[in-house]
Amino acid sequence: MADKEDKNPENITGAFYVDSQCIDCDLCRETAPNNFTREEDEGYSYVYKQPENDDEREQCIEAMEGCPVEAIGEDGED
């Protein structure tokens, strides 16, 4: 389970985030490319844009549910 106290610093404020457990597997970036991107120097993902419509929200939820290390969280802070 993702820890909102351990969010990667690049995450934009909002409901979805990625924490430091991220292993840079690329699943979230492939599943929700409009919302997740990669921190190139350190090699992990973060949320650069919160979902703005139902399709993006569904993709973020799919990425969260598919994350192999449960590094994606949704804390409801829209």
PDB file of N, CA and C in Angstrom:
ATOM      1  N   MET A   1       0.844  -1.189   0.000  1.00  0.00           N
ATOM      2  CA  MET A   1       0.000   0.000   0.000  1.00  0.00           C
ATOM      3  C   MET A   1       0.887   1.249   0.000  1.00  0.00           C
ATOM      4  N   ALA A   2       0.571   2.167  -0.871  1.00  0.00           N
ATOM      5  CA  ALA A   2       1.332   3.411  -0.986  1.00  0.00           C
ATOM      6  C   ALA A   2       1.187   4.247   0.293  1.00  0.00           C
ATOM      7  N   ASP A   3       2.242   4.968   0.597  1.00  0.00           N
ATOM      8  CA  ASP A   3       2.286   5.789   1.802  1.00  0.00           C
ATOM      9  C   ASP A   3       2.317   7.264   1.417  1.00  0.00           C
ATOM     10  N   LYS A   4       1.242   7.985   1.720  1.00  0.00           N
ATOM     11  CA  LYS A   4       1.189   9.393   1.324  1.00  0.00           C
ATOM     12  C   LYS A   4       2.205  10.250   2.066  1.00  0.00           C
ATOM     13  N   GLU A   5       2.770   9.728   3.153  1.00  0.00           N
ATOM     14  CA  GLU A   5       3.829  10.443   3.863  1.00  0.00           C
ATOM     15  C   GLU A   5       5.187  10.234   3.187  1.00  0.00           C
ATOM     16  N   ASP A   6       5.236   9.348   2.189  1.00  0.00           N
ATOM     17  CA  ASP A   6       6.490   9.001   1.516  1.00  0.00           C
ATOM     18  C   ASP A   6       6.388   9.255   0.004  1.00  0.00           C
ATOM     19  N   LYS A   7       5.583  10.268  -0.376  1.00  0.00           N
ATOM     20  CA  LYS A   7       5.397  10.599  -1.789  1.00  0.00           C
ATOM     21  C   LYS A   7       6.702  11.079  -2.413  1.00  0.00           C
ATOM     22  N   ASN A   8       6.904  10.717  -3.681  1.00  0.00           N
ATOM     23  CA  ASN A   8       8.020  11.300  -4.419  1.00  0.00           C
ATOM     24  C   ASN A   8       7.777  12.803  -4.532  1.00  0.00           C
ATOM     25  N   PRO A   9       8.811  13.615  -4.375  1.00  0.00           N
ATOM     26  CA  PRO A   9       8.616  15.070  -4.287  1.00  0.00           C
ATOM     27  C   PRO A   9       8.071  15.718  -5.555  1.00  0.00           C
ATOM     28  N   GLU A  10       8.226  15.089  -6.693  1.00  0.00           N
ATOM     29  CA  GLU A  10       7.769  15.687  -7.955  1.00  0.00           C
ATOM     30  C   GLU A  10       6.260  15.572  -8.177  1.00  0.00           C
ATOM     31  N   ASN A  11       5.572  14.730  -7.407  1.00  0.00           N
ATOM     32  CA  ASN A  11       4.132  14.570  -7.580  1.00  0.00           C
ATOM     33  C   ASN A  11       3.419  15.911  -7.485  1.00  0.00           C
ATOM     34  N   ILE A  12       2.507  16.134  -8.421  1.00  0.00           N
ATOM     35  CA  ILE A  12       1.681  17.330  -8.342  1.00  0.00           C
ATOM     36  C   ILE A  12       0.595  17.087  -7.289  1.00  0.00           C
ATOM     37  N   THR A  13       0.197  18.120  -6.594  1.00  0.00           N
ATOM     38  CA  THR A  13      -0.823  18.002  -5.556  1.00  0.00           C
ATOM     39  C   THR A  13      -2.123  17.470  -6.132  1.00  0.00           C
ATOM     40  N   GLY A  14      -2.749  16.564  -5.402  1.00  0.00           N
ATOM     41  CA  GLY A  14      -4.025  16.000  -5.828  1.00  0.00           C
ATOM     42  C   GLY A  14      -4.226  14.607  -5.296  1.00  0.00           C
ATOM     43  N   ALA A  15      -5.229  13.942  -5.827  1.00  0.00           N
ATOM     44  CA  ALA A  15      -5.649  12.640  -5.312  1.00  0.00           C
ATOM     45  C   ALA A  15      -4.618  11.541  -5.525  1.00  0.00           C
ATOM     46  N   PHE A  16      -3.996  11.482  -6.694  1.00  0.00           N
ATOM     47  CA  PHE A  16      -3.081  10.391  -7.010  1.00  0.00           C
ATOM     48  C   PHE A  16      -1.638  10.801  -6.769  1.00  0.00           C
ATOM     49  N   TYR A  17      -0.815   9.818  -6.390  1.00  0.00           N
ATOM     50  CA  TYR A  17       0.604  10.060  -6.154  1.00  0.00           C
ATOM     51  C   TYR A  17       1.367   8.748  -6.285  1.00  0.00           C
ATOM     52  N   VAL A  18       2.682   8.851  -6.400  1.00  0.00           N
ATOM     53  CA  VAL A  18       3.581   7.701  -6.390  1.00  0.00           C
ATOM     54  C   VAL A  18       4.545   7.894  -5.228  1.00  0.00           C
ATOM     55  N   ASP A  19       4.792   6.811  -4.474  1.00  0.00           N
ATOM     56  CA  ASP A  19       5.724   6.932  -3.348  1.00  0.00           C
ATOM     57  C   ASP A  19       7.075   6.319  -3.687  1.00  0.00           C
ATOM     58  N   SER A  20       7.963   6.298  -2.718  1.00  0.00           N
ATOM     59  CA  SER A  20       9.351   5.896  -2.961  1.00  0.00           C
ATOM     60  C   SER A  20       9.537   4.402  -3.212  1.00  0.00           C
ATOM     61  N   GLN A  21       8.484   3.610  -3.116  1.00  0.00           N
ATOM     62  CA  GLN A  21       8.580   2.179  -3.411  1.00  0.00           C
ATOM     63  C   GLN A  21       8.694   1.902  -4.914  1.00  0.00           C
ATOM     64  N   CYS A  22       8.458   2.910  -5.742  1.00  0.00           N
ATOM     65  CA  CYS A  22       8.451   2.743  -7.200  1.00  0.00           C
ATOM     66  C   CYS A  22       9.742   2.070  -7.684  1.00  0.00           C
ATOM     67  N   ILE A  23       9.589   1.049  -8.544  1.00  0.00           N
ATOM     68  CA  ILE A  23      10.741   0.326  -9.098  1.00  0.00           C
ATOM     69  C   ILE A  23      10.960   0.659 -10.574  1.00  0.00           C
ATOM     70  N   ASP A  24      10.293   1.694 -11.070  1.00  0.00           N
ATOM     71  CA  ASP A  24      10.504   2.165 -12.445  1.00  0.00           C
ATOM     72  C   ASP A  24      10.147   1.103 -13.485  1.00  0.00           C
ATOM     73  N   CYS A  25       9.042   0.396 -13.263  1.00  0.00           N
ATOM     74  CA  CYS A  25       8.653  -0.694 -14.170  1.00  0.00           C
ATOM     75  C   CYS A  25       7.989  -0.196 -15.445  1.00  0.00           C
ATOM     76  N   ASP A  26       7.499   1.037 -15.467  1.00  0.00           N
ATOM     77  CA  ASP A  26       6.876   1.672 -16.625  1.00  0.00           C
ATOM     78  C   ASP A  26       5.392   1.362 -16.784  1.00  0.00           C
ATOM     79  N   LEU A  27       4.811   0.513 -15.950  1.00  0.00           N
ATOM     80  CA  LEU A  27       3.404   0.158 -16.103  1.00  0.00           C
ATOM     81  C   LEU A  27       2.496   1.385 -16.033  1.00  0.00           C
ATOM     82  N   CYS A  28       2.699   2.242 -15.054  1.00  0.00           N
ATOM     83  CA  CYS A  28       1.814   3.402 -14.912  1.00  0.00           C
ATOM     84  C   CYS A  28       1.960   4.362 -16.084  1.00  0.00           C
ATOM     85  N   ARG A  29       3.179   4.524 -16.576  1.00  0.00           N
ATOM     86  CA  ARG A  29       3.411   5.438 -17.695  1.00  0.00           C
ATOM     87  C   ARG A  29       2.803   4.905 -18.976  1.00  0.00           C
ATOM     88  N   GLU A  30       2.727   3.594 -19.109  1.00  0.00           N
ATOM     89  CA  GLU A  30       2.080   2.991 -20.275  1.00  0.00           C
ATOM     90  C   GLU A  30       0.566   3.014 -20.139  1.00  0.00           C
ATOM     91  N   THR A  31       0.081   2.807 -18.930  1.00  0.00           N
ATOM     92  CA  THR A  31      -1.364   2.733 -18.679  1.00  0.00           C
ATOM     93  C   THR A  31      -2.024   4.109 -18.676  1.00  0.00           C
ATOM     94  N   ALA A  32      -1.366   5.083 -18.094  1.00  0.00           N
ATOM     95  CA  ALA A  32      -1.921   6.442 -17.967  1.00  0.00           C
ATOM     96  C   ALA A  32      -0.854   7.472 -18.345  1.00  0.00           C
ATOM     97  N   PRO A  33      -0.478   7.500 -19.632  1.00  0.00           N
ATOM     98  CA  PRO A  33       0.620   8.377 -20.055  1.00  0.00           C
ATOM     99  C   PRO A  33       0.329   9.870 -19.917  1.00  0.00           C
ATOM    100  N   ASN A  34      -0.930  10.245 -19.826  1.00  0.00           N
ATOM    101  CA  ASN A  34      -1.266  11.655 -19.658  1.00  0.00           C
ATOM    102  C   ASN A  34      -1.084  12.135 -18.221  1.00  0.00           C
ATOM    103  N   ASN A  35      -0.821  11.189 -17.308  1.00  0.00           N
ATOM    104  CA  ASN A  35      -0.768  11.548 -15.895  1.00  0.00           C
ATOM    105  C   ASN A  35       0.534  11.179 -15.191  1.00  0.00           C
ATOM    106  N   PHE A  36       1.199  10.147 -15.670  1.00  0.00           N
ATOM    107  CA  PHE A  36       2.444   9.693 -15.039  1.00  0.00           C
ATOM    108  C   PHE A  36       3.625   9.945 -15.971  1.00  0.00           C
ATOM    109  N   THR A  37       4.750  10.292 -15.388  1.00  0.00           N
ATOM    110  CA  THR A  37       5.977  10.455 -16.150  1.00  0.00           C
ATOM    111  C   THR A  37       7.136   9.950 -15.301  1.00  0.00           C
ATOM    112  N   ARG A  38       8.334  10.022 -15.859  1.00  0.00           N
ATOM    113  CA  ARG A  38       9.518   9.447 -15.211  1.00  0.00           C
ATOM    114  C   ARG A  38      10.486  10.535 -14.769  1.00  0.00           C
ATOM    115  N   GLU A  39      11.021  10.361 -13.587  1.00  0.00           N
ATOM    116  CA  GLU A  39      12.121  11.194 -13.114  1.00  0.00           C
ATOM    117  C   GLU A  39      13.381  10.528 -13.650  1.00  0.00           C
ATOM    118  N   GLU A  40      13.969  11.130 -14.667  1.00  0.00           N
ATOM    119  CA  GLU A  40      15.046  10.503 -15.422  1.00  0.00           C
ATOM    120  C   GLU A  40      16.311  10.244 -14.605  1.00  0.00           C
ATOM    121  N   ASP A  41      16.725  11.176 -13.790  1.00  0.00           N
ATOM    122  CA  ASP A  41      17.988  11.033 -13.063  1.00  0.00           C
ATOM    123  C   ASP A  41      17.942   9.926 -12.003  1.00  0.00           C
ATOM    124  N   GLU A  42      16.832   9.857 -11.280  1.00  0.00           N
ATOM    125  CA  GLU A  42      16.721   8.885 -10.187  1.00  0.00           C
ATOM    126  C   GLU A  42      16.013   7.596 -10.608  1.00  0.00           C
ATOM    127  N   GLY A  43      15.242   7.634 -11.705  1.00  0.00           N
ATOM    128  CA  GLY A  43      14.581   6.441 -12.213  1.00  0.00           C
ATOM    129  C   GLY A  43      13.374   5.984 -11.430  1.00  0.00           C
ATOM    130  N   TYR A  44      12.364   6.833 -11.363  1.00  0.00           N
ATOM    131  CA  TYR A  44      11.084   6.451 -10.773  1.00  0.00           C
ATOM    132  C   TYR A  44       9.986   7.300 -11.396  1.00  0.00           C
ATOM    133  N   SER A  45       8.750   6.866 -11.200  1.00  0.00           N
ATOM    134  CA  SER A  45       7.602   7.580 -11.757  1.00  0.00           C
ATOM    135  C   SER A  45       7.013   8.540 -10.738  1.00  0.00           C
ATOM    136  N   TYR A  46       6.244   9.496 -11.267  1.00  0.00           N
ATOM    137  CA  TYR A  46       5.472  10.400 -10.420  1.00  0.00           C
ATOM    138  C   TYR A  46       4.301  10.938 -11.227  1.00  0.00           C
ATOM    139  N   VAL A  47       3.332  11.513 -10.533  1.00  0.00           N
ATOM    140  CA  VAL A  47       2.149  12.091 -11.178  1.00  0.00           C
ATOM    141  C   VAL A  47       2.478  13.537 -11.537  1.00  0.00           C
ATOM    142  N   TYR A  48       2.472  13.819 -12.843  1.00  0.00           N
ATOM    143  CA  TYR A  48       2.765  15.192 -13.273  1.00  0.00           C
ATOM    144  C   TYR A  48       1.490  15.954 -13.611  1.00  0.00           C
ATOM    145  N   LYS A  49       0.378  15.220 -13.759  1.00  0.00           N
ATOM    146  CA  LYS A  49      -0.914  15.871 -14.017  1.00  0.00           C
ATOM    147  C   LYS A  49      -2.008  14.989 -13.427  1.00  0.00           C
ATOM    148  N   GLN A  50      -2.823  15.576 -12.572  1.00  0.00           N
ATOM    149  CA  GLN A  50      -3.951  14.832 -12.016  1.00  0.00           C
ATOM    150  C   GLN A  50      -5.001  14.607 -13.116  1.00  0.00           C
ATOM    151  N   PRO A  51      -5.776  13.523 -13.005  1.00  0.00           N
ATOM    152  CA  PRO A  51      -6.787  13.257 -14.035  1.00  0.00           C
ATOM    153  C   PRO A  51      -7.799  14.400 -14.138  1.00  0.00           C
ATOM    154  N   GLU A  52      -8.134  14.723 -15.390  1.00  0.00           N
ATOM    155  CA  GLU A  52      -9.061  15.827 -15.643  1.00  0.00           C
ATOM    156  C   GLU A  52     -10.398  15.370 -16.206  1.00  0.00           C
ATOM    157  N   ASN A  53     -10.528  14.060 -16.449  1.00  0.00           N
ATOM    158  CA  ASN A  53     -11.799  13.533 -16.955  1.00  0.00           C
ATOM    159  C   ASN A  53     -11.925  12.074 -16.521  1.00  0.00           C
ATOM    160  N   ASP A  54     -13.083  11.472 -16.813  1.00  0.00           N
ATOM    161  CA  ASP A  54     -13.338  10.100 -16.375  1.00  0.00           C
ATOM    162  C   ASP A  54     -12.364   9.102 -16.981  1.00  0.00           C
ATOM    163  N   ASP A  55     -11.996   9.281 -18.250  1.00  0.00           N
ATOM    164  CA  ASP A  55     -11.055   8.360 -18.895  1.00  0.00           C
ATOM    165  C   ASP A  55      -9.700   8.387 -18.195  1.00  0.00           C
ATOM    166  N   GLU A  56      -9.201   9.570 -17.922  1.00  0.00           N
ATOM    167  CA  GLU A  56      -7.907   9.683 -17.242  1.00  0.00           C
ATOM    168  C   GLU A  56      -7.987   9.109 -15.838  1.00  0.00           C
ATOM    169  N   ARG A  57      -9.074   9.358 -15.153  1.00  0.00           N
ATOM    170  CA  ARG A  57      -9.251   8.810 -13.791  1.00  0.00           C
ATOM    171  C   ARG A  57      -9.264   7.286 -13.834  1.00  0.00           C
ATOM    172  N   GLU A  58      -9.979   6.710 -14.778  1.00  0.00           N
ATOM    173  CA  GLU A  58     -10.030   5.251 -14.908  1.00  0.00           C
ATOM    174  C   GLU A  58      -8.646   4.681 -15.215  1.00  0.00           C
ATOM    175  N   GLN A  59      -7.873   5.379 -16.046  1.00  0.00           N
ATOM    176  CA  GLN A  59      -6.519   4.919 -16.363  1.00  0.00           C
ATOM    177  C   GLN A  59      -5.619   4.986 -15.125  1.00  0.00           C
ATOM    178  N   CYS A  60      -5.762   6.023 -14.331  1.00  0.00           N
ATOM    179  CA  CYS A  60      -4.972   6.137 -13.097  1.00  0.00           C
ATOM    180  C   CYS A  60      -5.334   5.024 -12.111  1.00  0.00           C
ATOM    181  N   ILE A  61      -6.604   4.713 -12.006  1.00  0.00           N
ATOM    182  CA  ILE A  61      -7.038   3.629 -11.125  1.00  0.00           C
ATOM    183  C   ILE A  61      -6.500   2.300 -11.635  1.00  0.00           C
ATOM    184  N   GLU A  62      -6.545   2.090 -12.948  1.00  0.00           N
ATOM    185  CA  GLU A  62      -5.994   0.866 -13.524  1.00  0.00           C
ATOM    186  C   GLU A  62      -4.496   0.754 -13.232  1.00  0.00           C
ATOM    187  N   ALA A  63      -3.772   1.862 -13.361  1.00  0.00           N
ATOM    188  CA  ALA A  63      -2.337   1.864 -13.060  1.00  0.00           C
ATOM    189  C   ALA A  63      -2.104   1.556 -11.585  1.00  0.00           C
ATOM    190  N   MET A  64      -2.895   2.142 -10.717  1.00  0.00           N
ATOM    191  CA  MET A  64      -2.758   1.913  -9.283  1.00  0.00           C
ATOM    192  C   MET A  64      -3.008   0.443  -8.949  1.00  0.00           C
ATOM    193  N   GLU A  65      -4.055  -0.128  -9.520  1.00  0.00           N
ATOM    194  CA  GLU A  65      -4.390  -1.519  -9.249  1.00  0.00           C
ATOM    195  C   GLU A  65      -3.362  -2.489  -9.835  1.00  0.00           C
ATOM    196  N   GLY A  66      -2.689  -2.089 -10.920  1.00  0.00           N
ATOM    197  CA  GLY A  66      -1.722  -2.960 -11.568  1.00  0.00           C
ATOM    198  C   GLY A  66      -0.296  -2.808 -11.066  1.00  0.00           C
ATOM    199  N   CYS A  67      -0.040  -1.789 -10.268  1.00  0.00           N
ATOM    200  CA  CYS A  67       1.328  -1.531  -9.796  1.00  0.00           C
ATOM    201  C   CYS A  67       1.854  -2.734  -9.013  1.00  0.00           C
ATOM    202  N   PRO A  68       2.972  -3.318  -9.463  1.00  0.00           N
ATOM    203  CA  PRO A  68       3.458  -4.542  -8.814  1.00  0.00           C
ATOM    204  C   PRO A  68       3.987  -4.350  -7.389  1.00  0.00           C
ATOM    205  N   VAL A  69       4.325  -3.132  -7.015  1.00  0.00           N
ATOM    206  CA  VAL A  69       4.839  -2.876  -5.656  1.00  0.00           C
ATOM    207  C   VAL A  69       3.916  -1.951  -4.865  1.00  0.00           C
ATOM    208  N   GLU A  70       2.718  -1.687  -5.381  1.00  0.00           N
ATOM    209  CA  GLU A  70       1.722  -0.839  -4.725  1.00  0.00           C
ATOM    210  C   GLU A  70       2.282   0.528  -4.351  1.00  0.00           C
ATOM    211  N   ALA A  71       3.019   1.126  -5.292  1.00  0.00           N
ATOM    212  CA  ALA A  71       3.630   2.434  -5.047  1.00  0.00           C
ATOM    213  C   ALA A  71       2.708   3.594  -5.412  1.00  0.00           C
ATOM    214  N   ILE A  72       1.572   3.309  -6.035  1.00  0.00           N
ATOM    215  CA  ILE A  72       0.633   4.363  -6.430  1.00  0.00           C
ATOM    216  C   ILE A  72      -0.502   4.423  -5.408  1.00  0.00           C
ATOM    217  N   GLY A  73      -0.807   5.626  -4.971  1.00  0.00           N
ATOM    218  CA  GLY A  73      -1.876   5.798  -4.010  1.00  0.00           C
ATOM    219  C   GLY A  73      -2.878   6.833  -4.464  1.00  0.00           C
ATOM    220  N   GLU A  74      -4.024   6.783  -3.834  1.00  0.00           N
ATOM    221  CA  GLU A  74      -5.077   7.786  -4.049  1.00  0.00           C
ATOM    222  C   GLU A  74      -5.581   8.161  -2.663  1.00  0.00           C
ATOM    223  N   ASP A  75      -5.312   9.387  -2.266  1.00  0.00           N
ATOM    224  CA  ASP A  75      -5.694   9.787  -0.909  1.00  0.00           C
ATOM    225  C   ASP A  75      -6.908  10.690  -0.872  1.00  0.00           C
ATOM    226  N   GLY A  76      -7.510  10.937  -2.033  1.00  0.00           N
ATOM    227  CA  GLY A  76      -8.734  11.702  -2.069  1.00  0.00           C
ATOM    228  C   GLY A  76      -8.571  13.198  -1.924  1.00  0.00           C
ATOM    229  N   GLU A  77      -7.341  13.704  -1.922  1.00  0.00           N
ATOM    230  CA  GLU A  77      -7.116  15.148  -1.821  1.00  0.00           C
ATOM    231  C   GLU A  77      -7.158  15.771  -3.194  1.00  0.00           C
ATOM    232  N   ASP A  78      -8.338  16.040  -3.692  1.00  0.00           N
ATOM    233  CA  ASP A  78      -8.501  16.639  -5.028  1.00  0.00           C
ATOM    234  C   ASP A  78      -8.184  18.095  -5.017  1.00  0.00           C
TER     235      ASP A  78
END
